[in-house]
Structure formats: C-alpha cells, structure tokens
Amino acid sequence: MNPSTEQPGEEKSEEKWGFDLYPERRGEKYKPSLTKIALLGEGREQSQKIKCEKNVWYCAKSSPLVKLMLAALKSSGCEVDLTRHVSCEVCDVSVSGGYDSELNQVVVCQNVARTEGLTQGVLTHELIHMFDYCRNKLDFKNIDHLACTEVRAANLAHCSFLSAVAQGDASPFHIAKAHQSCP
C-alpha cells in the first residue's frame, strides 16, 4: 500500500521494492549456515568480492559497452567513480545486479555474476538505469518509468549488435532476425 493513500487507523506496511534481494543494502551482513558452507562451498565472500571488483575494473577498461556507458554518463554530467558508484555485494541468487537510485550505486552480485562476461552484462544494464535516472530523473516506484527503463536496458544491453559482438553471439547470417530472437 502506498503510505500517502493510507487511511487513518490502517496499519502501515513498508513496500520492499526489491531491496530484500540485496541484504547489504539494509546494513545486514551475509552469514552462510554451516550446511551451506559444507555443501555449497559458501563462506568465501571476501575472495568473491575481490574477484568481482577485479572484473568490474577489467570491464571498465576493456568492455566496449561499459566504456560507452561510462563515457555517455560523463558527457551528460554524471561522471562515475567506480569506487563510489559500483558495489560488489552478496545478493539473493534470483538477481545478478541492480541499481540503487537512493545511493546512486550499481550493485554487482558477487555470488552470481562471477565471470567477466556476466559482470559486463550487469554493468551495462545497470549503467543504462543510472543514465536514465541521471538524465530523466526517473521514479523507480512509478511502474511506467520502471517499464521504460527496463525495456531500454534490455534492448541496449542484451539485444544490440554491439552487445552480440561483445558476447561472441554475432553472426552475419542471422542479422535480420537477431533482435526478434533476443531473450
């Protein structure tokens, strides 16, 4: 329920808006159970974080898509400092990253986006949200704004020819239907 439409005497309920998928956003620390440590090899969060940060730096220096988005943000007056605006964190396994407009940070889920390729995809997608927010002051709690930025991010980050080239999926034989078959 939207707090502004709350009627007197009704109980307040906080909408999570996906923040429950990012426990470190709420000041919590990830604590794996002994079972998860033994069976799933969890408990290596610090080494995951270091690897994630290396992947972020690598993508910022070598990925054409990430470099394009960082340059677009800079030319729009929204320069990105990777140490301030990108955070590697443990997240729910159902997400690989996110954009936190309140802190103006891209979150890369270190436990999910474990390769340079996945990190590149997350960074590109989330930097598009950052760009949309910077340039257009999107309201991520407005479903129309959210839908618009998600469609843009999906099309630009995952369905473009440049994206296909960067990911090694480009083919001169399937150019005409490549966008149509994009997931």
N, C-alpha and C. Protein backbone atom coordinates (compact mmCIF):
# COMPACT_ATOMS: atom_id res chain seq x y z
N MET A 1 0.85 -1.18 0.00
CA MET A 1 0.00 0.00 0.00
C MET A 1 0.89 1.24 0.00
N ASN A 2 0.51 2.22 -0.74
CA ASN A 2 1.22 3.48 -0.78
C ASN A 2 0.92 4.25 0.50
N PRO A 3 1.95 4.67 1.26
CA PRO A 3 1.71 5.37 2.52
C PRO A 3 0.86 6.63 2.35
N SER A 4 0.93 7.28 1.20
CA SER A 4 0.15 8.51 1.02
C SER A 4 -1.34 8.24 0.88
N THR A 5 -1.72 7.00 0.55
CA THR A 5 -3.14 6.66 0.41
C THR A 5 -3.68 5.94 1.64
N GLU A 6 -2.85 5.85 2.65
CA GLU A 6 -3.23 5.14 3.86
C GLU A 6 -4.36 5.86 4.59
N GLN A 7 -5.31 5.11 5.02
CA GLN A 7 -6.45 5.67 5.74
C GLN A 7 -6.15 5.68 7.24
N PRO A 8 -6.72 6.64 7.97
CA PRO A 8 -6.50 6.67 9.42
C PRO A 8 -6.90 5.34 10.05
N GLY A 9 -6.07 4.88 10.97
CA GLY A 9 -6.38 3.63 11.67
C GLY A 9 -5.86 2.40 10.96
N GLU A 10 -5.41 2.54 9.69
CA GLU A 10 -4.87 1.38 8.97
C GLU A 10 -3.42 1.18 9.36
N GLU A 11 -2.98 -0.06 9.31
CA GLU A 11 -1.62 -0.39 9.67
C GLU A 11 -0.67 -0.01 8.54
N LYS A 12 0.49 0.57 8.89
CA LYS A 12 1.48 0.92 7.87
C LYS A 12 2.17 -0.35 7.41
N SER A 13 2.39 -0.43 6.12
CA SER A 13 3.17 -1.55 5.58
C SER A 13 4.22 -0.98 4.64
N GLU A 14 5.44 -1.41 4.83
CA GLU A 14 6.54 -0.93 4.00
C GLU A 14 6.68 -1.83 2.79
N GLU A 15 6.70 -1.22 1.60
CA GLU A 15 6.93 -1.98 0.39
C GLU A 15 8.42 -2.18 0.24
N LYS A 16 8.83 -3.36 -0.15
CA LYS A 16 10.25 -3.68 -0.21
C LYS A 16 10.90 -3.22 -1.51
N TRP A 17 10.17 -3.13 -2.60
CA TRP A 17 10.67 -2.68 -3.90
C TRP A 17 11.95 -3.39 -4.30
N GLY A 18 12.09 -4.65 -3.92
CA GLY A 18 13.25 -5.44 -4.32
C GLY A 18 14.46 -5.30 -3.42
N PHE A 19 14.44 -4.39 -2.45
CA PHE A 19 15.59 -4.21 -1.60
C PHE A 19 15.86 -5.44 -0.74
N ASP A 20 14.86 -6.30 -0.55
CA ASP A 20 15.07 -7.51 0.23
C ASP A 20 16.00 -8.49 -0.50
N LEU A 21 16.23 -8.27 -1.80
CA LEU A 21 17.12 -9.12 -2.57
C LEU A 21 18.59 -8.75 -2.37
N TYR A 22 18.81 -7.60 -1.73
CA TYR A 22 20.15 -7.07 -1.52
C TYR A 22 20.34 -6.81 -0.02
N PRO A 23 20.63 -7.84 0.77
CA PRO A 23 20.67 -7.67 2.23
C PRO A 23 21.67 -6.62 2.70
N GLU A 24 22.78 -6.45 2.00
CA GLU A 24 23.78 -5.48 2.44
C GLU A 24 23.30 -4.04 2.25
N ARG A 25 22.28 -3.84 1.42
CA ARG A 25 21.70 -2.51 1.24
C ARG A 25 21.01 -2.04 2.51
N ARG A 26 20.60 -2.97 3.36
CA ARG A 26 19.90 -2.66 4.60
C ARG A 26 20.82 -2.75 5.81
N GLY A 27 22.12 -2.86 5.56
CA GLY A 27 23.09 -2.91 6.66
C GLY A 27 23.31 -4.29 7.22
N GLU A 28 22.69 -5.30 6.64
CA GLU A 28 22.88 -6.67 7.12
C GLU A 28 24.14 -7.25 6.49
N LYS A 29 24.75 -8.20 7.13
CA LYS A 29 25.88 -8.92 6.57
C LYS A 29 25.44 -10.34 6.28
N TYR A 30 25.92 -10.89 5.17
CA TYR A 30 25.57 -12.25 4.80
C TYR A 30 26.29 -13.22 5.72
N LYS A 31 25.52 -14.14 6.28
CA LYS A 31 26.08 -15.15 7.17
C LYS A 31 25.62 -16.53 6.70
N PRO A 32 26.48 -17.26 5.98
CA PRO A 32 26.07 -18.57 5.49
C PRO A 32 25.95 -19.57 6.64
N SER A 33 25.02 -20.49 6.49
CA SER A 33 24.87 -21.54 7.50
C SER A 33 25.98 -22.57 7.34
N LEU A 34 26.20 -23.38 8.36
CA LEU A 34 27.21 -24.43 8.27
C LEU A 34 26.90 -25.40 7.14
N THR A 35 25.61 -25.67 6.93
CA THR A 35 25.20 -26.56 5.84
C THR A 35 25.61 -25.98 4.50
N LYS A 36 25.37 -24.68 4.29
CA LYS A 36 25.73 -24.04 3.02
C LYS A 36 27.25 -23.99 2.84
N ILE A 37 27.96 -23.82 3.92
CA ILE A 37 29.43 -23.82 3.83
C ILE A 37 29.91 -25.20 3.41
N ALA A 38 29.37 -26.24 4.04
CA ALA A 38 29.80 -27.61 3.76
C ALA A 38 29.34 -28.10 2.39
N LEU A 39 28.09 -27.87 2.04
CA LEU A 39 27.53 -28.42 0.81
C LEU A 39 27.72 -27.53 -0.41
N LEU A 40 27.66 -26.24 -0.24
CA LEU A 40 27.70 -25.33 -1.39
C LEU A 40 29.00 -24.53 -1.49
N GLY A 41 29.91 -24.74 -0.55
CA GLY A 41 31.18 -24.04 -0.60
C GLY A 41 31.08 -22.55 -0.30
N GLU A 42 30.01 -22.14 0.37
CA GLU A 42 29.88 -20.73 0.71
C GLU A 42 30.82 -20.39 1.85
N GLY A 43 30.94 -19.12 2.16
CA GLY A 43 31.85 -18.68 3.20
C GLY A 43 33.10 -18.05 2.64
N ARG A 44 33.11 -17.82 1.32
CA ARG A 44 34.26 -17.21 0.66
C ARG A 44 33.89 -15.82 0.13
N GLU A 45 33.12 -15.10 0.90
CA GLU A 45 32.59 -13.82 0.42
C GLU A 45 33.69 -12.80 0.14
N GLN A 46 34.74 -12.77 0.97
CA GLN A 46 35.79 -11.78 0.76
C GLN A 46 36.55 -12.04 -0.54
N SER A 47 36.84 -13.31 -0.83
CA SER A 47 37.54 -13.61 -2.09
C SER A 47 36.62 -13.37 -3.29
N GLN A 48 35.31 -13.64 -3.13
CA GLN A 48 34.35 -13.33 -4.20
C GLN A 48 34.32 -11.82 -4.46
N LYS A 49 34.34 -11.04 -3.40
CA LYS A 49 34.30 -9.58 -3.53
C LYS A 49 35.52 -9.07 -4.30
N ILE A 50 36.69 -9.59 -3.96
CA ILE A 50 37.93 -9.17 -4.63
C ILE A 50 37.87 -9.53 -6.12
N LYS A 51 37.41 -10.74 -6.41
CA LYS A 51 37.30 -11.16 -7.82
C LYS A 51 36.27 -10.29 -8.55
N CYS A 52 35.16 -10.00 -7.93
CA CYS A 52 34.14 -9.16 -8.53
C CYS A 52 34.69 -7.77 -8.84
N GLU A 53 35.41 -7.19 -7.88
CA GLU A 53 35.99 -5.86 -8.09
C GLU A 53 37.00 -5.87 -9.23
N LYS A 54 37.78 -6.94 -9.35
CA LYS A 54 38.73 -7.08 -10.47
C LYS A 54 37.96 -7.14 -11.79
N ASN A 55 36.85 -7.89 -11.80
CA ASN A 55 36.03 -7.99 -13.01
C ASN A 55 35.45 -6.62 -13.39
N VAL A 56 35.00 -5.86 -12.40
CA VAL A 56 34.45 -4.52 -12.65
C VAL A 56 35.52 -3.64 -13.28
N TRP A 57 36.73 -3.62 -12.69
CA TRP A 57 37.81 -2.79 -13.23
C TRP A 57 38.18 -3.22 -14.64
N TYR A 58 38.25 -4.55 -14.86
CA TYR A 58 38.57 -5.07 -16.19
C TYR A 58 37.54 -4.61 -17.22
N CYS A 59 36.27 -4.73 -16.89
CA CYS A 59 35.20 -4.33 -17.81
C CYS A 59 35.23 -2.83 -18.08
N ALA A 60 35.53 -2.04 -17.06
CA ALA A 60 35.58 -0.58 -17.24
C ALA A 60 36.73 -0.18 -18.17
N LYS A 61 37.77 -0.97 -18.20
CA LYS A 61 38.93 -0.66 -19.04
C LYS A 61 38.86 -1.30 -20.41
N SER A 62 38.13 -2.43 -20.56
CA SER A 62 38.22 -3.15 -21.83
C SER A 62 36.89 -3.44 -22.53
N SER A 63 35.77 -3.36 -21.85
CA SER A 63 34.49 -3.67 -22.49
C SER A 63 33.98 -2.46 -23.27
N PRO A 64 33.75 -2.62 -24.57
CA PRO A 64 33.24 -1.50 -25.37
C PRO A 64 31.89 -0.98 -24.85
N LEU A 65 31.04 -1.88 -24.40
CA LEU A 65 29.72 -1.46 -23.91
C LEU A 65 29.81 -0.68 -22.61
N VAL A 66 30.61 -1.17 -21.67
CA VAL A 66 30.76 -0.48 -20.39
C VAL A 66 31.46 0.86 -20.61
N LYS A 67 32.50 0.88 -21.44
CA LYS A 67 33.19 2.13 -21.74
C LYS A 67 32.25 3.14 -22.40
N LEU A 68 31.39 2.66 -23.28
CA LEU A 68 30.41 3.53 -23.94
C LEU A 68 29.47 4.16 -22.92
N MET A 69 28.96 3.35 -21.98
CA MET A 69 28.04 3.87 -20.97
C MET A 69 28.74 4.83 -20.01
N LEU A 70 29.97 4.53 -19.62
CA LEU A 70 30.70 5.43 -18.73
C LEU A 70 30.97 6.77 -19.42
N ALA A 71 31.29 6.73 -20.72
CA ALA A 71 31.52 7.96 -21.48
C ALA A 71 30.21 8.75 -21.64
N ALA A 72 29.11 8.04 -21.88
CA ALA A 72 27.81 8.71 -22.02
C ALA A 72 27.41 9.39 -20.71
N LEU A 73 27.63 8.71 -19.61
CA LEU A 73 27.33 9.30 -18.30
C LEU A 73 28.20 10.54 -18.07
N LYS A 74 29.47 10.44 -18.37
CA LYS A 74 30.39 11.56 -18.17
C LYS A 74 29.99 12.76 -19.04
N SER A 75 29.68 12.50 -20.31
CA SER A 75 29.32 13.61 -21.20
C SER A 75 27.98 14.24 -20.83
N SER A 76 27.19 13.54 -20.05
CA SER A 76 25.90 14.08 -19.59
C SER A 76 26.01 14.75 -18.23
N GLY A 77 27.22 14.84 -17.72
CA GLY A 77 27.43 15.49 -16.42
C GLY A 77 27.22 14.55 -15.24
N CYS A 78 27.26 13.27 -15.49
CA CYS A 78 27.01 12.27 -14.44
C CYS A 78 28.21 11.33 -14.34
N GLU A 79 29.37 11.88 -14.10
CA GLU A 79 30.59 11.09 -14.07
C GLU A 79 30.52 10.01 -12.99
N VAL A 80 31.07 8.86 -13.31
CA VAL A 80 31.03 7.71 -12.41
C VAL A 80 32.42 7.44 -11.85
N ASP A 81 32.49 7.35 -10.53
CA ASP A 81 33.69 6.91 -9.82
C ASP A 81 33.41 5.47 -9.41
N LEU A 82 34.12 4.53 -10.01
CA LEU A 82 33.83 3.11 -9.77
C LEU A 82 33.88 2.75 -8.29
N THR A 83 34.81 3.36 -7.54
CA THR A 83 34.91 3.01 -6.12
C THR A 83 33.72 3.51 -5.32
N ARG A 84 33.05 4.54 -5.81
CA ARG A 84 31.88 5.10 -5.11
C ARG A 84 30.55 4.59 -5.68
N HIS A 85 30.48 4.45 -7.00
CA HIS A 85 29.21 4.19 -7.66
C HIS A 85 28.97 2.72 -8.04
N VAL A 86 29.92 1.84 -7.79
CA VAL A 86 29.73 0.41 -8.06
C VAL A 86 30.10 -0.35 -6.80
N SER A 87 29.21 -1.26 -6.40
CA SER A 87 29.43 -2.04 -5.19
C SER A 87 29.23 -3.52 -5.47
N CYS A 88 30.21 -4.33 -5.13
CA CYS A 88 30.09 -5.79 -5.22
C CYS A 88 29.55 -6.28 -3.89
N GLU A 89 28.45 -7.01 -3.93
CA GLU A 89 27.78 -7.48 -2.72
C GLU A 89 27.20 -8.87 -2.92
N VAL A 90 26.94 -9.55 -1.81
CA VAL A 90 26.22 -10.82 -1.83
C VAL A 90 24.74 -10.49 -1.95
N CYS A 91 24.07 -11.16 -2.89
CA CYS A 91 22.64 -10.90 -3.14
C CYS A 91 21.87 -12.21 -3.13
N ASP A 92 20.57 -12.09 -3.19
CA ASP A 92 19.73 -13.25 -3.42
C ASP A 92 20.11 -13.84 -4.78
N VAL A 93 20.10 -15.15 -4.90
CA VAL A 93 20.54 -15.79 -6.15
C VAL A 93 19.58 -15.55 -7.32
N SER A 94 18.44 -14.95 -7.08
CA SER A 94 17.49 -14.68 -8.17
C SER A 94 17.84 -13.43 -8.97
N VAL A 95 18.85 -12.67 -8.51
CA VAL A 95 19.27 -11.46 -9.22
C VAL A 95 20.79 -11.48 -9.42
N SER A 96 21.24 -10.78 -10.47
CA SER A 96 22.69 -10.71 -10.72
C SER A 96 23.23 -9.31 -10.49
N GLY A 97 22.32 -8.35 -10.33
CA GLY A 97 22.74 -6.98 -10.09
C GLY A 97 21.53 -6.09 -9.91
N GLY A 98 21.79 -4.82 -9.68
CA GLY A 98 20.70 -3.86 -9.51
C GLY A 98 21.23 -2.45 -9.51
N TYR A 99 20.30 -1.50 -9.57
CA TYR A 99 20.66 -0.10 -9.47
C TYR A 99 19.88 0.49 -8.30
N ASP A 100 20.60 1.08 -7.36
CA ASP A 100 20.01 1.71 -6.19
C ASP A 100 20.01 3.21 -6.44
N SER A 101 18.84 3.76 -6.79
CA SER A 101 18.76 5.18 -7.11
C SER A 101 18.92 6.06 -5.87
N GLU A 102 18.59 5.53 -4.70
CA GLU A 102 18.74 6.32 -3.48
C GLU A 102 20.21 6.60 -3.16
N LEU A 103 21.07 5.62 -3.42
CA LEU A 103 22.51 5.80 -3.18
C LEU A 103 23.29 6.05 -4.48
N ASN A 104 22.59 6.03 -5.61
CA ASN A 104 23.20 6.19 -6.93
C ASN A 104 24.36 5.21 -7.09
N GLN A 105 24.05 3.93 -6.87
CA GLN A 105 25.05 2.88 -6.97
C GLN A 105 24.53 1.71 -7.80
N VAL A 106 25.44 1.16 -8.58
CA VAL A 106 25.20 -0.09 -9.28
C VAL A 106 25.67 -1.20 -8.34
N VAL A 107 24.83 -2.20 -8.16
CA VAL A 107 25.19 -3.36 -7.35
C VAL A 107 25.49 -4.52 -8.30
N VAL A 108 26.67 -5.11 -8.16
CA VAL A 108 27.02 -6.32 -8.89
C VAL A 108 26.99 -7.44 -7.87
N CYS A 109 26.18 -8.44 -8.12
CA CYS A 109 26.04 -9.56 -7.17
C CYS A 109 27.23 -10.50 -7.33
N GLN A 110 28.16 -10.39 -6.40
CA GLN A 110 29.41 -11.13 -6.47
C GLN A 110 29.23 -12.63 -6.41
N ASN A 111 28.13 -13.08 -5.83
CA ASN A 111 27.87 -14.52 -5.73
C ASN A 111 27.16 -15.07 -6.96
N VAL A 112 26.73 -14.20 -7.87
CA VAL A 112 26.02 -14.64 -9.08
C VAL A 112 26.80 -14.27 -10.34
N ALA A 113 27.20 -13.01 -10.47
CA ALA A 113 27.97 -12.53 -11.63
C ALA A 113 29.44 -12.80 -11.36
N ARG A 114 29.86 -14.03 -11.61
CA ARG A 114 31.21 -14.45 -11.22
C ARG A 114 32.23 -14.38 -12.35
N THR A 115 31.78 -14.12 -13.56
CA THR A 115 32.71 -14.06 -14.69
C THR A 115 32.76 -12.64 -15.24
N GLU A 116 33.78 -12.37 -16.05
CA GLU A 116 33.88 -11.05 -16.69
C GLU A 116 32.68 -10.80 -17.60
N GLY A 117 32.25 -11.84 -18.32
CA GLY A 117 31.11 -11.69 -19.23
C GLY A 117 29.82 -11.33 -18.51
N LEU A 118 29.55 -12.03 -17.41
CA LEU A 118 28.35 -11.71 -16.64
C LEU A 118 28.46 -10.33 -15.99
N THR A 119 29.65 -10.01 -15.50
CA THR A 119 29.87 -8.69 -14.89
C THR A 119 29.64 -7.60 -15.92
N GLN A 120 30.13 -7.80 -17.14
CA GLN A 120 29.92 -6.84 -18.22
C GLN A 120 28.44 -6.64 -18.50
N GLY A 121 27.68 -7.72 -18.56
CA GLY A 121 26.25 -7.62 -18.81
C GLY A 121 25.53 -6.87 -17.70
N VAL A 122 25.88 -7.16 -16.46
CA VAL A 122 25.27 -6.47 -15.31
C VAL A 122 25.62 -4.99 -15.34
N LEU A 123 26.90 -4.68 -15.52
CA LEU A 123 27.33 -3.28 -15.53
C LEU A 123 26.64 -2.49 -16.64
N THR A 124 26.61 -3.04 -17.84
CA THR A 124 25.99 -2.34 -18.96
C THR A 124 24.51 -2.08 -18.67
N HIS A 125 23.81 -3.11 -18.25
CA HIS A 125 22.37 -2.99 -17.97
C HIS A 125 22.12 -1.95 -16.87
N GLU A 126 22.84 -2.05 -15.78
CA GLU A 126 22.60 -1.15 -14.65
C GLU A 126 23.10 0.27 -14.91
N LEU A 127 24.16 0.42 -15.70
CA LEU A 127 24.61 1.76 -16.07
C LEU A 127 23.58 2.47 -16.96
N ILE A 128 22.82 1.71 -17.73
CA ILE A 128 21.73 2.30 -18.51
C ILE A 128 20.67 2.86 -17.57
N HIS A 129 20.35 2.12 -16.50
CA HIS A 129 19.42 2.65 -15.49
C HIS A 129 19.99 3.91 -14.85
N MET A 130 21.27 3.88 -14.53
CA MET A 130 21.91 5.06 -13.92
C MET A 130 21.82 6.26 -14.88
N PHE A 131 22.07 6.01 -16.15
CA PHE A 131 21.98 7.08 -17.16
C PHE A 131 20.56 7.63 -17.23
N ASP A 132 19.57 6.75 -17.31
CA ASP A 132 18.17 7.17 -17.37
C ASP A 132 17.79 7.99 -16.14
N TYR A 133 18.26 7.56 -14.99
CA TYR A 133 17.95 8.27 -13.75
C TYR A 133 18.63 9.65 -13.73
N CYS A 134 19.87 9.68 -14.16
CA CYS A 134 20.63 10.94 -14.17
C CYS A 134 20.03 11.95 -15.15
N ARG A 135 19.72 11.49 -16.33
CA ARG A 135 19.24 12.40 -17.38
C ARG A 135 17.75 12.73 -17.26
N ASN A 136 16.94 11.79 -16.80
CA ASN A 136 15.50 11.97 -16.83
C ASN A 136 14.83 11.97 -15.47
N LYS A 137 15.60 11.82 -14.40
CA LYS A 137 15.06 11.80 -13.03
C LYS A 137 13.89 10.81 -12.93
N LEU A 138 14.15 9.59 -13.31
CA LEU A 138 13.13 8.54 -13.25
C LEU A 138 12.67 8.31 -11.81
N ASP A 139 11.43 7.92 -11.69
CA ASP A 139 10.88 7.49 -10.42
C ASP A 139 10.74 5.98 -10.51
N PHE A 140 11.64 5.26 -9.87
CA PHE A 140 11.64 3.80 -9.99
C PHE A 140 10.45 3.14 -9.30
N LYS A 141 9.67 3.91 -8.56
CA LYS A 141 8.45 3.37 -7.96
C LYS A 141 7.23 3.64 -8.84
N ASN A 142 7.44 4.32 -9.96
CA ASN A 142 6.40 4.53 -10.96
C ASN A 142 6.53 3.42 -11.99
N ILE A 143 5.52 2.57 -12.09
CA ILE A 143 5.59 1.38 -12.93
C ILE A 143 5.85 1.72 -14.40
N ASP A 144 5.35 2.86 -14.88
CA ASP A 144 5.59 3.26 -16.27
C ASP A 144 7.06 3.62 -16.48
N HIS A 145 7.65 4.34 -15.53
CA HIS A 145 9.07 4.69 -15.62
C HIS A 145 9.92 3.43 -15.55
N LEU A 146 9.58 2.54 -14.64
CA LEU A 146 10.33 1.30 -14.46
C LEU A 146 10.29 0.45 -15.72
N ALA A 147 9.09 0.31 -16.30
CA ALA A 147 8.95 -0.48 -17.52
C ALA A 147 9.79 0.11 -18.65
N CYS A 148 9.76 1.42 -18.78
CA CYS A 148 10.50 2.09 -19.84
C CYS A 148 12.00 1.85 -19.71
N THR A 149 12.54 2.04 -18.53
CA THR A 149 13.99 1.87 -18.36
C THR A 149 14.40 0.40 -18.48
N GLU A 150 13.53 -0.53 -18.07
CA GLU A 150 13.86 -1.95 -18.22
C GLU A 150 13.87 -2.36 -19.69
N VAL A 151 12.92 -1.86 -20.47
CA VAL A 151 12.89 -2.17 -21.91
C VAL A 151 14.14 -1.60 -22.58
N ARG A 152 14.47 -0.35 -22.25
CA ARG A 152 15.68 0.26 -22.82
C ARG A 152 16.92 -0.54 -22.46
N ALA A 153 17.06 -0.89 -21.19
CA ALA A 153 18.25 -1.61 -20.74
C ALA A 153 18.34 -2.98 -21.41
N ALA A 154 17.22 -3.67 -21.52
CA ALA A 154 17.22 -4.98 -22.17
C ALA A 154 17.61 -4.86 -23.64
N ASN A 155 17.01 -3.89 -24.33
CA ASN A 155 17.31 -3.71 -25.75
C ASN A 155 18.75 -3.28 -25.99
N LEU A 156 19.21 -2.32 -25.22
CA LEU A 156 20.55 -1.78 -25.45
C LEU A 156 21.66 -2.69 -24.93
N ALA A 157 21.44 -3.31 -23.80
CA ALA A 157 22.50 -4.11 -23.19
C ALA A 157 22.53 -5.54 -23.67
N HIS A 158 21.39 -6.08 -24.04
CA HIS A 158 21.36 -7.52 -24.32
C HIS A 158 20.92 -7.86 -25.74
N CYS A 159 20.35 -6.91 -26.47
CA CYS A 159 19.79 -7.22 -27.78
C CYS A 159 20.41 -6.43 -28.93
N SER A 160 21.44 -5.65 -28.68
CA SER A 160 22.04 -4.85 -29.74
C SER A 160 23.10 -5.66 -30.48
N PHE A 161 23.45 -5.21 -31.68
CA PHE A 161 24.51 -5.87 -32.44
C PHE A 161 25.84 -5.75 -31.71
N LEU A 162 26.11 -4.57 -31.13
CA LEU A 162 27.35 -4.37 -30.38
C LEU A 162 27.44 -5.33 -29.20
N SER A 163 26.31 -5.54 -28.54
CA SER A 163 26.26 -6.50 -27.43
C SER A 163 26.55 -7.91 -27.92
N ALA A 164 25.96 -8.27 -29.05
CA ALA A 164 26.18 -9.60 -29.61
C ALA A 164 27.65 -9.80 -29.98
N VAL A 165 28.27 -8.76 -30.55
CA VAL A 165 29.70 -8.84 -30.89
C VAL A 165 30.52 -9.02 -29.61
N ALA A 166 30.23 -8.21 -28.60
CA ALA A 166 30.98 -8.26 -27.34
C ALA A 166 30.83 -9.61 -26.64
N GLN A 167 29.65 -10.23 -26.77
CA GLN A 167 29.41 -11.51 -26.11
C GLN A 167 29.77 -12.70 -27.00
N GLY A 168 30.17 -12.43 -28.24
CA GLY A 168 30.54 -13.50 -29.17
C GLY A 168 29.36 -14.19 -29.81
N ASP A 169 28.17 -13.57 -29.78
CA ASP A 169 26.98 -14.18 -30.36
C ASP A 169 26.64 -13.64 -31.74
N ALA A 170 27.38 -12.66 -32.24
CA ALA A 170 27.05 -12.02 -33.52
C ALA A 170 27.30 -12.98 -34.67
N SER A 171 26.40 -12.94 -35.63
CA SER A 171 26.54 -13.77 -36.82
C SER A 171 26.04 -12.98 -38.02
N PRO A 172 26.83 -12.95 -39.10
CA PRO A 172 26.38 -12.22 -40.29
C PRO A 172 25.20 -12.90 -40.98
N PHE A 173 24.91 -14.14 -40.60
CA PHE A 173 23.83 -14.89 -41.24
C PHE A 173 22.48 -14.69 -40.58
N HIS A 174 22.46 -14.17 -39.37
CA HIS A 174 21.21 -14.03 -38.64
C HIS A 174 20.90 -12.58 -38.21
N ILE A 175 21.49 -11.62 -38.89
CA ILE A 175 21.33 -10.22 -38.51
C ILE A 175 19.86 -9.79 -38.61
N ALA A 176 19.16 -10.18 -39.66
CA ALA A 176 17.78 -9.73 -39.89
C ALA A 176 16.84 -10.13 -38.75
N LYS A 177 17.04 -11.29 -38.16
CA LYS A 177 16.13 -11.75 -37.11
C LYS A 177 16.77 -11.77 -35.72
N ALA A 178 17.94 -11.18 -35.60
CA ALA A 178 18.67 -11.25 -34.32
C ALA A 178 17.91 -10.54 -33.21
N HIS A 179 17.35 -9.36 -33.47
CA HIS A 179 16.65 -8.63 -32.43
C HIS A 179 15.34 -9.35 -32.06
N GLN A 180 14.70 -9.93 -33.03
CA GLN A 180 13.45 -10.66 -32.81
C GLN A 180 13.64 -11.84 -31.88
N SER A 181 14.77 -12.52 -32.01
CA SER A 181 15.01 -13.71 -31.19
C SER A 181 15.73 -13.40 -29.89
N CYS A 182 15.96 -12.14 -29.62
CA CYS A 182 16.64 -11.76 -28.38
C CYS A 182 15.76 -12.10 -27.18
N PRO A 183 16.37 -12.72 -26.14
CA PRO A 183 15.56 -13.11 -24.96
C PRO A 183 15.04 -11.93 -24.18
